[in-house]
Amino acid sequence: QVQLVESGGGLVQPGGSLRLSCTASGSDSRFNVMAWHRQAPGKQREFVAQILRGAITSYAGSVKGRFTISGDSTKNAIYLQMNSLKPEDTAVYYCAAGRSSTLNYWGQGTQVTVSS
């Protein structure tokens, strides 16, 4: 059974940085795509960033230039380096993965709060 576990969330001041990690267990094969999504209070879940085949990255416009996604395919792990954080980045951040183009597996989420 595949499980995704996120870590690294917390409280940070505006302009600060956080690094999220996501590790997959229960899978012997590598994922084709791994991604980060987020959901703010009262809003729908939205795409943040993804990494395809361990190398091709894409970002939501709202985080481009501030967030960096990276991966370690040997560990089925991905990371999200978040810099210049803003209050509007406050959300629960979810890790997701899939063996095709569909994200079939989701983590439980980690809370990120940006506030002074």
N, C-alpha and C. Protein backbone atom coordinates (compact mmCIF):
# COMPACT_ATOMS: atom_id res chain seq x y z
N GLN A 1 0.85 -1.18 0.00
CA GLN A 1 0.00 0.00 0.00
C GLN A 1 0.90 1.25 0.00
N VAL A 2 0.67 2.12 -0.96
CA VAL A 2 1.48 3.31 -1.08
C VAL A 2 1.05 4.35 -0.04
N GLN A 3 2.02 4.92 0.64
CA GLN A 3 1.76 6.01 1.58
C GLN A 3 2.70 7.15 1.28
N LEU A 4 2.17 8.35 1.30
CA LEU A 4 2.96 9.56 1.14
C LEU A 4 2.92 10.32 2.46
N VAL A 5 4.08 10.71 2.95
CA VAL A 5 4.16 11.41 4.22
C VAL A 5 4.88 12.72 4.02
N GLU A 6 4.19 13.82 4.35
CA GLU A 6 4.79 15.15 4.25
C GLU A 6 5.34 15.58 5.59
N SER A 7 6.35 16.44 5.55
CA SER A 7 6.90 17.03 6.75
C SER A 7 7.51 18.38 6.41
N GLY A 8 7.79 19.16 7.44
CA GLY A 8 8.48 20.43 7.23
C GLY A 8 7.61 21.67 7.35
N GLY A 9 6.32 21.48 7.53
CA GLY A 9 5.45 22.64 7.67
C GLY A 9 5.66 23.34 9.01
N GLY A 10 5.04 24.51 9.15
CA GLY A 10 5.16 25.24 10.40
C GLY A 10 4.74 26.68 10.25
N LEU A 11 5.09 27.46 11.25
CA LEU A 11 4.78 28.89 11.27
C LEU A 11 6.03 29.67 10.89
N VAL A 12 5.89 30.60 9.96
CA VAL A 12 7.02 31.41 9.52
C VAL A 12 6.55 32.83 9.27
N GLN A 13 7.43 33.78 9.45
CA GLN A 13 7.08 35.17 9.21
C GLN A 13 7.11 35.48 7.71
N PRO A 14 6.35 36.48 7.29
CA PRO A 14 6.41 36.89 5.88
C PRO A 14 7.84 37.19 5.46
N GLY A 15 8.20 36.72 4.28
CA GLY A 15 9.56 36.86 3.79
C GLY A 15 10.47 35.71 4.16
N GLY A 16 10.01 34.84 5.02
CA GLY A 16 10.81 33.71 5.46
C GLY A 16 10.78 32.54 4.51
N SER A 17 11.40 31.45 4.93
CA SER A 17 11.53 30.26 4.09
C SER A 17 11.16 29.00 4.87
N LEU A 18 10.70 28.01 4.13
CA LEU A 18 10.45 26.67 4.66
C LEU A 18 10.79 25.66 3.58
N ARG A 19 11.12 24.47 4.01
CA ARG A 19 11.38 23.37 3.06
C ARG A 19 10.50 22.19 3.44
N LEU A 20 9.62 21.83 2.53
CA LEU A 20 8.76 20.68 2.73
C LEU A 20 9.38 19.44 2.12
N SER A 21 9.13 18.31 2.76
CA SER A 21 9.59 17.03 2.24
C SER A 21 8.41 16.08 2.13
N CYS A 22 8.52 15.19 1.16
CA CYS A 22 7.49 14.15 0.98
C CYS A 22 8.21 12.86 0.62
N THR A 23 7.93 11.83 1.39
CA THR A 23 8.55 10.53 1.15
C THR A 23 7.46 9.49 0.92
N ALA A 24 7.65 8.68 -0.13
CA ALA A 24 6.70 7.62 -0.45
C ALA A 24 7.21 6.28 0.06
N SER A 25 6.32 5.51 0.62
CA SER A 25 6.65 4.15 1.03
C SER A 25 5.63 3.20 0.44
N GLY A 26 6.02 1.92 0.37
CA GLY A 26 5.10 0.91 -0.14
C GLY A 26 5.09 0.79 -1.64
N SER A 27 6.09 1.39 -2.30
CA SER A 27 6.15 1.30 -3.75
C SER A 27 7.56 0.90 -4.17
N ASP A 28 7.65 -0.14 -4.98
CA ASP A 28 8.96 -0.57 -5.46
C ASP A 28 9.34 0.14 -6.76
N SER A 29 8.37 0.74 -7.41
CA SER A 29 8.66 1.39 -8.69
C SER A 29 8.61 2.91 -8.51
N ARG A 30 9.31 3.59 -9.40
CA ARG A 30 9.34 5.04 -9.33
C ARG A 30 8.04 5.61 -9.88
N PHE A 31 7.70 6.77 -9.39
CA PHE A 31 6.52 7.46 -9.89
C PHE A 31 6.87 8.29 -11.12
N ASN A 32 5.94 8.36 -12.04
CA ASN A 32 6.14 9.18 -13.24
C ASN A 32 6.02 10.67 -12.90
N VAL A 33 5.12 10.99 -12.01
CA VAL A 33 4.90 12.38 -11.64
C VAL A 33 4.69 12.47 -10.13
N MET A 34 5.28 13.51 -9.55
CA MET A 34 5.04 13.84 -8.15
C MET A 34 4.79 15.33 -8.07
N ALA A 35 3.93 15.72 -7.17
CA ALA A 35 3.48 17.11 -7.18
C ALA A 35 3.15 17.61 -5.78
N TRP A 36 3.09 18.92 -5.66
CA TRP A 36 2.58 19.60 -4.47
C TRP A 36 1.32 20.38 -4.86
N HIS A 37 0.31 20.23 -4.04
CA HIS A 37 -0.89 21.05 -4.13
C HIS A 37 -1.10 21.68 -2.77
N ARG A 38 -1.99 22.67 -2.70
CA ARG A 38 -2.29 23.28 -1.40
C ARG A 38 -3.75 23.68 -1.34
N GLN A 39 -4.24 23.77 -0.12
CA GLN A 39 -5.62 24.19 0.09
C GLN A 39 -5.68 25.17 1.25
N ALA A 40 -6.09 26.39 0.93
CA ALA A 40 -6.25 27.43 1.95
C ALA A 40 -7.66 27.34 2.53
N PRO A 41 -7.85 27.88 3.73
CA PRO A 41 -9.18 27.83 4.35
C PRO A 41 -10.25 28.46 3.45
N GLY A 42 -11.33 27.73 3.22
CA GLY A 42 -12.43 28.24 2.43
C GLY A 42 -12.20 28.24 0.93
N LYS A 43 -11.09 27.66 0.49
CA LYS A 43 -10.77 27.64 -0.94
C LYS A 43 -10.59 26.22 -1.44
N GLN A 44 -10.65 26.07 -2.75
CA GLN A 44 -10.42 24.76 -3.34
C GLN A 44 -8.93 24.43 -3.35
N ARG A 45 -8.64 23.15 -3.40
CA ARG A 45 -7.26 22.72 -3.52
C ARG A 45 -6.71 23.18 -4.86
N GLU A 46 -5.46 23.66 -4.87
CA GLU A 46 -4.87 24.16 -6.10
C GLU A 46 -3.47 23.60 -6.31
N PHE A 47 -3.10 23.56 -7.56
CA PHE A 47 -1.78 23.08 -7.97
C PHE A 47 -0.71 24.09 -7.54
N VAL A 48 0.43 23.56 -7.08
CA VAL A 48 1.56 24.41 -6.72
C VAL A 48 2.74 24.14 -7.64
N ALA A 49 3.16 22.88 -7.70
CA ALA A 49 4.33 22.53 -8.52
C ALA A 49 4.34 21.03 -8.75
N GLN A 50 5.00 20.63 -9.84
CA GLN A 50 5.15 19.20 -10.08
C GLN A 50 6.49 18.92 -10.72
N ILE A 51 6.93 17.67 -10.59
CA ILE A 51 8.14 17.22 -11.24
C ILE A 51 7.82 15.94 -11.98
N LEU A 52 8.13 15.93 -13.27
CA LEU A 52 7.78 14.84 -14.17
C LEU A 52 9.02 14.05 -14.52
N ARG A 53 8.92 12.74 -14.36
CA ARG A 53 10.05 11.83 -14.66
C ARG A 53 11.34 12.31 -13.99
N GLY A 54 11.20 12.86 -12.85
CA GLY A 54 12.35 13.24 -12.03
C GLY A 54 13.12 14.46 -12.48
N ALA A 55 12.64 15.12 -13.57
CA ALA A 55 13.45 16.21 -14.10
C ALA A 55 12.67 17.42 -14.61
N ILE A 56 11.51 17.20 -15.17
CA ILE A 56 10.77 18.30 -15.80
C ILE A 56 9.86 18.94 -14.77
N THR A 57 10.10 20.21 -14.49
CA THR A 57 9.34 20.89 -13.44
C THR A 57 8.38 21.92 -14.02
N SER A 58 7.30 22.15 -13.30
CA SER A 58 6.37 23.22 -13.66
C SER A 58 5.78 23.79 -12.38
N TYR A 59 5.34 25.06 -12.46
CA TYR A 59 4.89 25.79 -11.29
C TYR A 59 3.63 26.58 -11.56
N ALA A 60 2.87 26.80 -10.52
CA ALA A 60 1.77 27.75 -10.60
C ALA A 60 2.37 29.15 -10.69
N GLY A 61 1.67 30.03 -11.40
CA GLY A 61 2.19 31.38 -11.58
C GLY A 61 2.41 32.12 -10.26
N SER A 62 1.59 31.81 -9.28
CA SER A 62 1.67 32.53 -8.00
C SER A 62 2.92 32.19 -7.19
N VAL A 63 3.58 31.08 -7.52
CA VAL A 63 4.77 30.68 -6.75
C VAL A 63 6.03 30.66 -7.58
N LYS A 64 5.91 30.83 -8.88
CA LYS A 64 7.07 30.77 -9.76
C LYS A 64 8.08 31.83 -9.37
N GLY A 65 9.34 31.41 -9.26
CA GLY A 65 10.40 32.32 -8.87
C GLY A 65 10.64 32.35 -7.37
N ARG A 66 9.69 31.83 -6.60
CA ARG A 66 9.84 31.79 -5.14
C ARG A 66 9.97 30.36 -4.62
N PHE A 67 9.29 29.42 -5.25
CA PHE A 67 9.31 28.02 -4.82
C PHE A 67 10.13 27.19 -5.80
N THR A 68 10.79 26.18 -5.28
CA THR A 68 11.55 25.26 -6.12
C THR A 68 11.23 23.83 -5.72
N ILE A 69 10.79 23.04 -6.69
CA ILE A 69 10.53 21.63 -6.45
C ILE A 69 11.73 20.82 -6.91
N SER A 70 12.07 19.81 -6.14
CA SER A 70 13.16 18.92 -6.51
C SER A 70 12.79 17.51 -6.09
N GLY A 71 13.52 16.53 -6.63
CA GLY A 71 13.18 15.15 -6.33
C GLY A 71 14.38 14.27 -6.19
N ASP A 72 14.19 13.19 -5.47
CA ASP A 72 15.20 12.15 -5.35
C ASP A 72 14.51 10.85 -5.75
N SER A 73 14.68 10.47 -7.02
CA SER A 73 13.95 9.32 -7.54
C SER A 73 14.37 8.01 -6.87
N THR A 74 15.58 7.97 -6.35
CA THR A 74 16.04 6.75 -5.68
C THR A 74 15.29 6.51 -4.39
N LYS A 75 14.74 7.60 -3.82
CA LYS A 75 14.01 7.49 -2.57
C LYS A 75 12.51 7.70 -2.76
N ASN A 76 12.09 7.93 -4.01
CA ASN A 76 10.69 8.31 -4.25
C ASN A 76 10.30 9.46 -3.34
N ALA A 77 11.13 10.49 -3.34
CA ALA A 77 10.90 11.64 -2.47
C ALA A 77 10.93 12.92 -3.28
N ILE A 78 10.17 13.90 -2.84
CA ILE A 78 10.25 15.22 -3.42
C ILE A 78 10.33 16.26 -2.31
N TYR A 79 10.77 17.45 -2.70
CA TYR A 79 10.95 18.52 -1.75
C TYR A 79 10.39 19.81 -2.36
N LEU A 80 10.01 20.72 -1.51
CA LEU A 80 9.56 22.03 -1.97
C LEU A 80 10.24 23.09 -1.13
N GLN A 81 11.19 23.79 -1.75
CA GLN A 81 11.85 24.90 -1.09
C GLN A 81 11.00 26.14 -1.33
N MET A 82 10.53 26.74 -0.26
CA MET A 82 9.65 27.91 -0.37
C MET A 82 10.35 29.12 0.22
N ASN A 83 10.62 30.10 -0.61
CA ASN A 83 11.27 31.33 -0.18
C ASN A 83 10.33 32.52 -0.36
N SER A 84 10.69 33.62 0.28
CA SER A 84 9.89 34.86 0.18
C SER A 84 8.40 34.57 0.42
N LEU A 85 8.14 33.86 1.48
CA LEU A 85 6.76 33.45 1.76
C LEU A 85 5.87 34.64 2.07
N LYS A 86 4.62 34.52 1.65
CA LYS A 86 3.63 35.57 1.84
C LYS A 86 2.45 35.01 2.65
N PRO A 87 1.70 35.89 3.30
CA PRO A 87 0.53 35.39 4.05
C PRO A 87 -0.43 34.58 3.18
N GLU A 88 -0.52 34.91 1.90
CA GLU A 88 -1.42 34.17 1.02
C GLU A 88 -0.91 32.77 0.67
N ASP A 89 0.29 32.45 1.10
CA ASP A 89 0.81 31.08 0.93
C ASP A 89 0.32 30.17 2.05
N THR A 90 -0.33 30.73 3.05
CA THR A 90 -0.87 29.94 4.15
C THR A 90 -1.87 28.92 3.64
N ALA A 91 -1.62 27.66 3.94
CA ALA A 91 -2.48 26.57 3.45
C ALA A 91 -1.98 25.25 4.01
N VAL A 92 -2.78 24.22 3.80
CA VAL A 92 -2.30 22.86 4.00
C VAL A 92 -1.70 22.40 2.68
N TYR A 93 -0.47 21.94 2.74
CA TYR A 93 0.25 21.52 1.54
C TYR A 93 0.22 19.99 1.46
N TYR A 94 -0.19 19.50 0.29
CA TYR A 94 -0.34 18.08 0.05
C TYR A 94 0.66 17.60 -1.00
N CYS A 95 1.22 16.46 -0.74
CA CYS A 95 2.07 15.77 -1.70
C CYS A 95 1.20 14.77 -2.46
N ALA A 96 1.46 14.60 -3.75
CA ALA A 96 0.71 13.65 -4.56
C ALA A 96 1.64 12.97 -5.54
N ALA A 97 1.26 11.77 -5.98
CA ALA A 97 2.11 11.02 -6.89
C ALA A 97 1.27 10.14 -7.80
N GLY A 98 1.85 9.81 -8.96
CA GLY A 98 1.16 8.92 -9.87
C GLY A 98 2.14 8.22 -10.80
N ARG A 99 1.77 7.04 -11.26
CA ARG A 99 2.64 6.29 -12.17
C ARG A 99 2.37 6.64 -13.62
N SER A 100 1.21 7.27 -13.90
CA SER A 100 0.94 7.78 -15.24
C SER A 100 0.86 9.29 -15.10
N SER A 101 -0.04 9.92 -15.82
CA SER A 101 -0.22 11.36 -15.69
C SER A 101 -1.23 11.72 -14.61
N THR A 102 -1.87 10.72 -14.06
CA THR A 102 -2.88 10.95 -13.02
C THR A 102 -2.27 10.82 -11.64
N LEU A 103 -2.63 11.74 -10.76
CA LEU A 103 -2.15 11.69 -9.38
C LEU A 103 -3.08 10.77 -8.60
N ASN A 104 -2.61 9.55 -8.35
CA ASN A 104 -3.45 8.53 -7.70
C ASN A 104 -3.29 8.48 -6.19
N TYR A 105 -2.17 9.00 -5.71
CA TYR A 105 -1.85 8.88 -4.30
C TYR A 105 -1.66 10.26 -3.69
N TRP A 106 -2.20 10.43 -2.48
CA TRP A 106 -2.14 11.71 -1.81
C TRP A 106 -1.72 11.52 -0.36
N GLY A 107 -0.94 12.48 0.15
CA GLY A 107 -0.59 12.48 1.55
C GLY A 107 -1.66 13.14 2.39
N GLN A 108 -1.42 13.19 3.68
CA GLN A 108 -2.38 13.77 4.62
C GLN A 108 -2.24 15.29 4.74
N GLY A 109 -1.13 15.81 4.29
CA GLY A 109 -0.94 17.26 4.30
C GLY A 109 -0.13 17.76 5.48
N THR A 110 0.51 18.91 5.28
CA THR A 110 1.25 19.57 6.34
C THR A 110 0.89 21.05 6.31
N GLN A 111 0.66 21.62 7.48
CA GLN A 111 0.19 23.00 7.58
C GLN A 111 1.36 23.97 7.45
N VAL A 112 1.18 24.96 6.60
CA VAL A 112 2.11 26.07 6.48
C VAL A 112 1.36 27.35 6.81
N THR A 113 1.85 28.08 7.79
CA THR A 113 1.22 29.34 8.19
C THR A 113 2.24 30.46 8.09
N VAL A 114 1.90 31.48 7.32
CA VAL A 114 2.78 32.63 7.14
C VAL A 114 2.12 33.82 7.82
N SER A 115 2.71 34.24 8.92
CA SER A 115 2.09 35.31 9.72
C SER A 115 3.13 35.97 10.59
N SER A 116 2.94 37.26 10.83
CA SER A 116 3.82 37.97 11.74
C SER A 116 3.25 37.97 13.16
